[in-house]
């Protein structure tokens, strides 16, 4: 399937990232691929923050996957640093290819490099396939998540 590069996202990648974010029933309700301005503003904030890592997986000059890794220093767990994986998306053409595993492995490795003691993520309750995927990679569903829209 060609060589894979995982690198920091740049403005030229935003359209492809947003298209992947919108390419499922949940994302289609909350993303707006026709208006990239807020996404470009968000990318500027992410790039300016050394604890944010928005990456893309590129194969043959085409963005085929993405995720965001956030590093969070904290006091709990004896002053542990943790990371959060968010926004994992794989292009429809690449699903089942092992790319998702490679992206998560990159995130876990980067978390270790950043001296994190814990990697966590959330997944919508309806994404049962994703839950099985994360469990295969060693993640455990140990908590119940809550959200409050603002």
N, C-alpha and C. Protein backbone atom coordinates (compact mmCIF):
# COMPACT_ATOMS: atom_id res chain seq x y z
N UNK A 1 0.81 -1.20 0.00
CA UNK A 1 0.00 0.00 0.00
C UNK A 1 0.85 1.26 0.00
N UNK A 2 2.13 1.15 -0.20
CA UNK A 2 2.99 2.33 -0.25
C UNK A 2 3.44 2.75 1.13
N UNK A 3 4.47 3.59 1.13
CA UNK A 3 5.02 4.06 2.40
C UNK A 3 4.06 5.01 3.09
N UNK A 4 4.08 4.97 4.39
CA UNK A 4 3.23 5.81 5.20
C UNK A 4 4.08 6.80 5.97
N UNK A 5 3.66 8.05 5.98
CA UNK A 5 4.32 9.09 6.76
C UNK A 5 3.29 9.63 7.76
N UNK A 6 3.68 9.73 9.02
CA UNK A 6 2.86 10.39 10.02
C UNK A 6 3.58 11.67 10.38
N UNK A 7 2.90 12.80 10.17
CA UNK A 7 3.53 14.10 10.37
C UNK A 7 2.52 15.10 10.91
N UNK A 8 3.03 16.23 11.36
CA UNK A 8 2.16 17.30 11.85
C UNK A 8 1.28 17.80 10.72
N UNK A 9 0.03 18.06 11.05
CA UNK A 9 -0.90 18.61 10.05
C UNK A 9 -0.54 20.06 9.76
N UNK A 10 -0.78 20.45 8.51
CA UNK A 10 -0.59 21.83 8.07
C UNK A 10 -1.89 22.31 7.43
N UNK A 11 -1.97 23.60 7.17
CA UNK A 11 -3.21 24.19 6.64
C UNK A 11 -3.69 23.48 5.38
N UNK A 12 -2.78 23.05 4.54
CA UNK A 12 -3.18 22.38 3.29
C UNK A 12 -3.87 21.03 3.55
N UNK A 13 -3.74 20.50 4.75
CA UNK A 13 -4.37 19.22 5.09
C UNK A 13 -5.79 19.37 5.64
N UNK A 14 -6.18 20.58 5.99
CA UNK A 14 -7.43 20.79 6.74
C UNK A 14 -8.65 20.28 5.98
N UNK A 15 -8.75 20.53 4.71
CA UNK A 15 -9.91 20.06 3.95
C UNK A 15 -10.03 18.54 4.03
N UNK A 16 -8.93 17.83 3.87
CA UNK A 16 -8.96 16.36 3.93
C UNK A 16 -9.32 15.89 5.34
N UNK A 17 -8.79 16.57 6.37
CA UNK A 17 -9.10 16.19 7.75
C UNK A 17 -10.60 16.38 8.02
N UNK A 18 -11.12 17.53 7.66
CA UNK A 18 -12.54 17.82 7.92
C UNK A 18 -13.43 16.84 7.14
N UNK A 19 -13.03 16.49 5.94
CA UNK A 19 -13.81 15.52 5.16
C UNK A 19 -13.88 14.18 5.90
N UNK A 20 -12.76 13.75 6.50
CA UNK A 20 -12.79 12.50 7.26
C UNK A 20 -13.62 12.64 8.54
N UNK A 21 -13.53 13.79 9.20
CA UNK A 21 -14.32 14.01 10.41
C UNK A 21 -15.82 13.96 10.10
N UNK A 22 -16.19 14.40 8.91
CA UNK A 22 -17.61 14.46 8.52
C UNK A 22 -18.11 13.17 7.88
N UNK A 23 -17.22 12.20 7.66
CA UNK A 23 -17.58 11.00 6.90
C UNK A 23 -18.14 9.88 7.77
N UNK A 24 -19.10 10.20 8.59
CA UNK A 24 -19.88 9.19 9.30
C UNK A 24 -21.13 9.87 9.84
N UNK A 25 -22.12 9.11 10.29
CA UNK A 25 -23.38 9.73 10.70
C UNK A 25 -23.22 10.77 11.81
N UNK A 26 -22.34 10.53 12.79
CA UNK A 26 -22.15 11.50 13.87
C UNK A 26 -21.45 12.75 13.36
N UNK A 27 -20.36 12.56 12.63
CA UNK A 27 -19.59 13.69 12.11
C UNK A 27 -20.38 14.52 11.12
N UNK A 28 -21.22 13.87 10.34
CA UNK A 28 -22.02 14.60 9.36
C UNK A 28 -22.94 15.62 10.02
N UNK A 29 -23.32 15.36 11.27
CA UNK A 29 -24.21 16.28 12.00
C UNK A 29 -23.47 17.46 12.61
N UNK A 30 -22.16 17.31 12.85
CA UNK A 30 -21.47 18.37 13.60
C UNK A 30 -20.34 19.06 12.86
N UNK A 31 -19.97 18.58 11.68
CA UNK A 31 -18.88 19.19 10.93
C UNK A 31 -19.42 19.98 9.74
N UNK A 32 -18.64 20.96 9.29
CA UNK A 32 -19.06 21.83 8.17
C UNK A 32 -17.93 21.95 7.15
N UNK A 33 -17.75 20.96 6.30
CA UNK A 33 -16.65 20.99 5.33
C UNK A 33 -16.71 22.17 4.35
N UNK A 34 -17.87 22.81 4.23
CA UNK A 34 -18.00 23.93 3.30
C UNK A 34 -17.47 25.24 3.88
N UNK A 35 -17.17 25.28 5.17
CA UNK A 35 -16.66 26.48 5.83
C UNK A 35 -15.41 26.12 6.61
N UNK A 36 -14.24 26.26 5.99
CA UNK A 36 -12.99 25.85 6.63
C UNK A 36 -12.42 26.88 7.58
N UNK A 37 -12.95 28.10 7.59
CA UNK A 37 -12.37 29.17 8.42
C UNK A 37 -12.23 28.77 9.89
N UNK A 38 -13.27 28.23 10.54
CA UNK A 38 -13.08 27.90 11.96
C UNK A 38 -12.05 26.79 12.17
N UNK A 39 -11.92 25.89 11.22
CA UNK A 39 -10.94 24.82 11.34
C UNK A 39 -9.52 25.37 11.20
N UNK A 40 -9.34 26.31 10.29
CA UNK A 40 -8.01 26.92 10.12
C UNK A 40 -7.63 27.73 11.36
N UNK A 41 -8.60 28.42 11.96
CA UNK A 41 -8.35 29.14 13.21
C UNK A 41 -7.96 28.16 14.31
N UNK A 42 -8.67 27.04 14.38
CA UNK A 42 -8.36 26.02 15.38
C UNK A 42 -6.96 25.44 15.16
N UNK A 43 -6.59 25.22 13.90
CA UNK A 43 -5.25 24.70 13.59
C UNK A 43 -4.18 25.67 14.09
N UNK A 44 -4.40 26.97 13.92
CA UNK A 44 -3.43 27.96 14.41
C UNK A 44 -3.25 27.83 15.92
N UNK A 45 -4.35 27.66 16.65
CA UNK A 45 -4.27 27.48 18.11
C UNK A 45 -3.53 26.19 18.46
N UNK A 46 -3.81 25.13 17.74
CA UNK A 46 -3.16 23.85 18.01
C UNK A 46 -1.65 23.94 17.76
N UNK A 47 -1.27 24.54 16.65
CA UNK A 47 0.15 24.64 16.30
C UNK A 47 0.90 25.48 17.33
N UNK A 48 0.24 26.48 17.90
CA UNK A 48 0.87 27.37 18.89
C UNK A 48 1.04 26.72 20.26
N UNK A 49 0.37 25.60 20.50
CA UNK A 49 0.39 24.95 21.81
C UNK A 49 1.28 23.71 21.75
N UNK A 50 2.40 23.70 22.46
CA UNK A 50 3.32 22.55 22.38
C UNK A 50 2.73 21.26 22.95
N UNK A 51 1.62 21.32 23.66
CA UNK A 51 0.99 20.12 24.20
C UNK A 51 -0.06 19.53 23.27
N UNK A 52 -0.22 20.12 22.10
CA UNK A 52 -1.19 19.62 21.11
C UNK A 52 -0.45 19.08 19.90
N UNK A 53 -0.85 17.91 19.46
CA UNK A 53 -0.22 17.28 18.30
C UNK A 53 -1.32 16.79 17.37
N UNK A 54 -1.65 17.59 16.36
CA UNK A 54 -2.60 17.16 15.34
C UNK A 54 -1.76 16.59 14.20
N UNK A 55 -1.94 15.30 13.95
CA UNK A 55 -1.12 14.65 12.94
C UNK A 55 -1.99 14.07 11.84
N UNK A 56 -1.35 13.88 10.71
CA UNK A 56 -1.99 13.21 9.58
C UNK A 56 -1.11 12.04 9.16
N UNK A 57 -1.76 11.02 8.65
CA UNK A 57 -1.08 9.90 8.01
C UNK A 57 -1.20 10.15 6.51
N UNK A 58 -0.06 10.12 5.84
CA UNK A 58 -0.03 10.43 4.41
C UNK A 58 0.57 9.24 3.66
N UNK A 59 -0.13 8.83 2.64
CA UNK A 59 0.34 7.75 1.77
C UNK A 59 0.22 8.24 0.33
N UNK A 60 1.32 8.16 -0.39
CA UNK A 60 1.33 8.59 -1.80
C UNK A 60 0.76 10.00 -1.95
N UNK A 61 1.24 10.92 -1.11
CA UNK A 61 0.85 12.34 -1.14
C UNK A 61 -0.63 12.57 -0.87
N UNK A 62 -1.28 11.65 -0.21
CA UNK A 62 -2.70 11.77 0.09
C UNK A 62 -2.93 11.56 1.59
N UNK A 63 -3.67 12.47 2.22
CA UNK A 63 -4.00 12.33 3.64
C UNK A 63 -5.02 11.21 3.78
N UNK A 64 -4.65 10.18 4.55
CA UNK A 64 -5.52 9.01 4.69
C UNK A 64 -5.93 8.73 6.13
N UNK A 65 -5.42 9.52 7.07
CA UNK A 65 -5.80 9.34 8.46
C UNK A 65 -5.37 10.54 9.28
N UNK A 66 -5.96 10.65 10.47
CA UNK A 66 -5.63 11.77 11.35
C UNK A 66 -5.95 11.41 12.80
N UNK A 67 -5.31 12.09 13.70
CA UNK A 67 -5.70 12.07 15.11
C UNK A 67 -5.08 13.27 15.80
N UNK A 68 -5.62 13.58 16.96
CA UNK A 68 -5.08 14.63 17.80
C UNK A 68 -4.64 14.01 19.12
N UNK A 69 -3.42 14.33 19.54
CA UNK A 69 -2.87 13.87 20.80
C UNK A 69 -2.63 15.10 21.68
N UNK A 70 -3.21 15.10 22.86
CA UNK A 70 -3.06 16.20 23.81
C UNK A 70 -2.31 15.70 25.03
N UNK A 71 -1.28 16.43 25.41
CA UNK A 71 -0.48 16.10 26.59
C UNK A 71 -0.96 16.98 27.74
N UNK A 72 -1.28 16.35 28.88
CA UNK A 72 -1.84 17.08 30.02
C UNK A 72 -1.02 16.81 31.28
N UNK A 73 -0.22 17.77 31.71
CA UNK A 73 0.44 17.62 33.00
C UNK A 73 -0.61 17.71 34.10
N UNK A 74 -0.40 17.01 35.20
CA UNK A 74 -1.39 17.05 36.26
C UNK A 74 -0.80 16.77 37.63
N UNK A 75 -1.63 16.95 38.64
CA UNK A 75 -1.24 16.65 40.02
C UNK A 75 -1.67 15.25 40.45
N UNK A 76 -2.82 14.78 39.94
CA UNK A 76 -3.30 13.47 40.36
C UNK A 76 -2.34 12.38 39.89
N UNK A 77 -2.50 11.22 40.51
CA UNK A 77 -1.63 10.08 40.21
C UNK A 77 -0.16 10.44 40.42
N UNK A 78 0.08 11.11 41.54
CA UNK A 78 1.44 11.48 41.95
C UNK A 78 2.11 12.41 40.94
N UNK A 79 1.34 13.36 40.41
CA UNK A 79 1.89 14.33 39.48
C UNK A 79 2.10 13.79 38.08
N UNK A 80 1.30 12.81 37.71
CA UNK A 80 1.45 12.17 36.41
C UNK A 80 1.05 13.09 35.26
N UNK A 81 1.69 12.84 34.15
CA UNK A 81 1.30 13.44 32.89
C UNK A 81 0.53 12.39 32.12
N UNK A 82 -0.59 12.79 31.53
CA UNK A 82 -1.38 11.86 30.74
C UNK A 82 -1.55 12.43 29.34
N UNK A 83 -1.97 11.59 28.44
CA UNK A 83 -2.30 12.06 27.09
C UNK A 83 -3.71 11.62 26.77
N UNK A 84 -4.32 12.38 25.90
CA UNK A 84 -5.66 12.07 25.41
C UNK A 84 -5.60 11.98 23.89
N UNK A 85 -6.13 10.90 23.37
CA UNK A 85 -6.24 10.72 21.92
C UNK A 85 -7.65 11.11 21.52
N UNK A 86 -7.76 11.98 20.54
CA UNK A 86 -9.06 12.46 20.07
C UNK A 86 -9.10 12.45 18.54
N UNK A 87 -10.29 12.51 18.01
CA UNK A 87 -10.49 12.73 16.58
C UNK A 87 -9.78 11.74 15.67
N UNK A 88 -9.79 10.48 16.05
CA UNK A 88 -9.15 9.45 15.21
C UNK A 88 -10.06 9.18 14.02
N UNK A 89 -9.53 9.38 12.84
CA UNK A 89 -10.31 9.11 11.63
C UNK A 89 -9.40 8.48 10.58
N UNK A 90 -9.96 7.51 9.89
CA UNK A 90 -9.28 6.83 8.80
C UNK A 90 -10.13 7.00 7.55
N UNK A 91 -9.49 7.35 6.45
CA UNK A 91 -10.21 7.49 5.18
C UNK A 91 -10.90 6.17 4.85
N UNK A 92 -12.09 6.25 4.30
CA UNK A 92 -12.89 5.05 4.00
C UNK A 92 -12.10 4.03 3.17
N UNK A 93 -11.27 4.49 2.25
CA UNK A 93 -10.48 3.58 1.41
C UNK A 93 -9.43 2.80 2.19
N UNK A 94 -9.09 3.26 3.37
CA UNK A 94 -8.01 2.67 4.15
C UNK A 94 -8.49 1.84 5.35
N UNK A 95 -9.78 1.88 5.62
CA UNK A 95 -10.28 1.16 6.80
C UNK A 95 -10.03 -0.33 6.64
N UNK A 96 -9.57 -0.95 7.71
CA UNK A 96 -9.24 -2.37 7.68
C UNK A 96 -7.84 -2.67 7.19
N UNK A 97 -7.06 -1.63 6.87
CA UNK A 97 -5.71 -1.82 6.32
C UNK A 97 -4.63 -1.89 7.39
N UNK A 98 -4.98 -1.62 8.65
CA UNK A 98 -3.98 -1.56 9.71
C UNK A 98 -3.52 -0.15 10.00
N UNK A 99 -4.01 0.82 9.23
CA UNK A 99 -3.60 2.20 9.42
C UNK A 99 -4.03 2.73 10.79
N UNK A 100 -5.24 2.40 11.24
CA UNK A 100 -5.69 2.85 12.54
C UNK A 100 -4.76 2.36 13.64
N UNK A 101 -4.34 1.12 13.55
CA UNK A 101 -3.39 0.57 14.52
C UNK A 101 -2.08 1.35 14.49
N UNK A 102 -1.58 1.64 13.30
CA UNK A 102 -0.33 2.41 13.19
C UNK A 102 -0.47 3.79 13.81
N UNK A 103 -1.59 4.46 13.59
CA UNK A 103 -1.79 5.78 14.17
C UNK A 103 -1.85 5.72 15.70
N UNK A 104 -2.58 4.76 16.23
CA UNK A 104 -2.68 4.63 17.69
C UNK A 104 -1.31 4.26 18.26
N UNK A 105 -0.58 3.38 17.61
CA UNK A 105 0.77 3.04 18.08
C UNK A 105 1.66 4.27 18.08
N UNK A 106 1.53 5.12 17.05
CA UNK A 106 2.31 6.36 17.03
C UNK A 106 1.96 7.20 18.25
N UNK A 107 0.66 7.34 18.55
CA UNK A 107 0.22 8.16 19.67
C UNK A 107 0.73 7.61 21.00
N UNK A 108 0.69 6.30 21.17
CA UNK A 108 1.18 5.69 22.40
C UNK A 108 2.69 5.89 22.52
N UNK A 109 3.41 5.69 21.43
CA UNK A 109 4.87 5.91 21.45
C UNK A 109 5.21 7.36 21.76
N UNK A 110 4.49 8.29 21.15
CA UNK A 110 4.73 9.71 21.42
C UNK A 110 4.39 10.05 22.87
N UNK A 111 3.35 9.42 23.40
CA UNK A 111 2.99 9.63 24.81
C UNK A 111 4.13 9.17 25.72
N UNK A 112 4.71 8.04 25.42
CA UNK A 112 5.87 7.58 26.19
C UNK A 112 7.02 8.57 26.08
N UNK A 113 7.27 9.03 24.85
CA UNK A 113 8.36 9.99 24.62
C UNK A 113 8.14 11.28 25.42
N UNK A 114 6.87 11.63 25.62
CA UNK A 114 6.52 12.83 26.38
C UNK A 114 6.41 12.54 27.89
N UNK A 115 6.84 11.36 28.30
CA UNK A 115 6.84 10.94 29.71
C UNK A 115 5.44 10.85 30.32
N UNK A 116 4.48 10.46 29.53
CA UNK A 116 3.13 10.25 30.05
C UNK A 116 3.07 8.91 30.77
N UNK A 117 2.26 8.87 31.82
CA UNK A 117 2.07 7.63 32.55
C UNK A 117 0.74 6.96 32.19
N UNK A 118 -0.09 7.65 31.41
CA UNK A 118 -1.41 7.13 31.08
C UNK A 118 -1.84 7.72 29.73
N UNK A 119 -2.41 6.86 28.90
CA UNK A 119 -3.02 7.31 27.64
C UNK A 119 -4.50 7.02 27.76
N UNK A 120 -5.33 7.99 27.46
CA UNK A 120 -6.77 7.76 27.52
C UNK A 120 -7.44 8.30 26.27
N UNK A 121 -8.64 7.82 26.04
CA UNK A 121 -9.44 8.30 24.92
C UNK A 121 -10.90 8.06 25.24
N UNK A 122 -11.75 8.76 24.52
CA UNK A 122 -13.18 8.50 24.62
C UNK A 122 -13.67 8.11 23.23
N UNK A 123 -14.77 7.41 23.22
CA UNK A 123 -15.39 7.00 21.97
C UNK A 123 -16.89 7.06 22.18
N UNK A 124 -17.60 7.61 21.23
CA UNK A 124 -19.05 7.72 21.35
C UNK A 124 -19.64 6.35 21.66
N UNK A 125 -20.64 6.33 22.52
CA UNK A 125 -21.26 5.08 22.96
C UNK A 125 -21.79 4.25 21.79
N UNK A 126 -22.12 4.88 20.67
CA UNK A 126 -22.68 4.15 19.52
C UNK A 126 -21.61 3.52 18.64
N UNK A 127 -20.36 3.83 18.85
CA UNK A 127 -19.28 3.34 17.98
C UNK A 127 -18.74 2.00 18.47
N UNK A 128 -19.55 0.98 18.40
CA UNK A 128 -19.16 -0.33 18.95
C UNK A 128 -17.97 -0.94 18.21
N UNK A 129 -17.86 -0.73 16.91
CA UNK A 129 -16.69 -1.24 16.18
C UNK A 129 -15.42 -0.59 16.70
N UNK A 130 -15.47 0.71 16.95
CA UNK A 130 -14.31 1.42 17.49
C UNK A 130 -13.95 0.89 18.87
N UNK A 131 -14.96 0.58 19.68
CA UNK A 131 -14.69 0.05 21.02
C UNK A 131 -13.92 -1.26 20.93
N UNK A 132 -14.34 -2.14 20.03
CA UNK A 132 -13.62 -3.42 19.86
C UNK A 132 -12.19 -3.16 19.38
N UNK A 133 -12.02 -2.20 18.48
CA UNK A 133 -10.70 -1.86 17.97
C UNK A 133 -9.79 -1.42 19.11
N UNK A 134 -10.25 -0.49 19.93
CA UNK A 134 -9.42 0.01 21.03
C UNK A 134 -9.13 -1.09 22.05
N UNK A 135 -10.09 -1.94 22.32
CA UNK A 135 -9.85 -3.04 23.25
C UNK A 135 -8.81 -4.01 22.70
N UNK A 136 -8.83 -4.26 21.38
CA UNK A 136 -7.79 -5.12 20.78
C UNK A 136 -6.40 -4.52 20.96
N UNK A 137 -6.33 -3.19 21.05
CA UNK A 137 -5.03 -2.52 21.22
C UNK A 137 -4.63 -2.38 22.69
N UNK A 138 -5.44 -2.93 23.60
CA UNK A 138 -5.07 -2.94 25.01
C UNK A 138 -5.76 -1.90 25.86
N UNK A 139 -6.59 -1.05 25.28
CA UNK A 139 -7.34 -0.06 26.06
C UNK A 139 -8.48 -0.76 26.79
N UNK A 140 -8.79 -0.28 27.98
CA UNK A 140 -9.88 -0.83 28.78
C UNK A 140 -10.94 0.24 29.01
N UNK A 141 -12.19 -0.15 28.92
CA UNK A 141 -13.31 0.75 29.20
C UNK A 141 -13.52 0.79 30.72
N UNK A 142 -12.81 1.69 31.40
CA UNK A 142 -12.81 1.72 32.86
C UNK A 142 -13.65 2.85 33.45
N UNK A 143 -14.07 3.81 32.64
CA UNK A 143 -14.78 4.97 33.16
C UNK A 143 -16.03 5.24 32.33
N UNK A 144 -16.91 6.02 32.89
CA UNK A 144 -18.07 6.52 32.16
C UNK A 144 -17.80 8.00 31.90
N UNK A 145 -17.96 8.43 30.66
CA UNK A 145 -17.69 9.82 30.32
C UNK A 145 -18.96 10.66 30.32
N UNK A 146 -18.79 11.94 30.61
CA UNK A 146 -19.91 12.88 30.62
C UNK A 146 -19.50 14.10 29.81
N UNK A 147 -20.46 14.73 29.14
CA UNK A 147 -20.22 15.94 28.38
C UNK A 147 -21.32 16.94 28.69
N UNK A 148 -20.95 18.21 28.62
CA UNK A 148 -21.90 19.30 28.80
C UNK A 148 -21.70 20.29 27.66
N UNK A 149 -22.58 20.31 26.69
CA UNK A 149 -22.43 21.28 25.59
C UNK A 149 -22.55 22.71 26.13
N UNK A 150 -21.68 23.58 25.65
CA UNK A 150 -21.69 24.98 26.06
C UNK A 150 -22.08 25.89 24.90
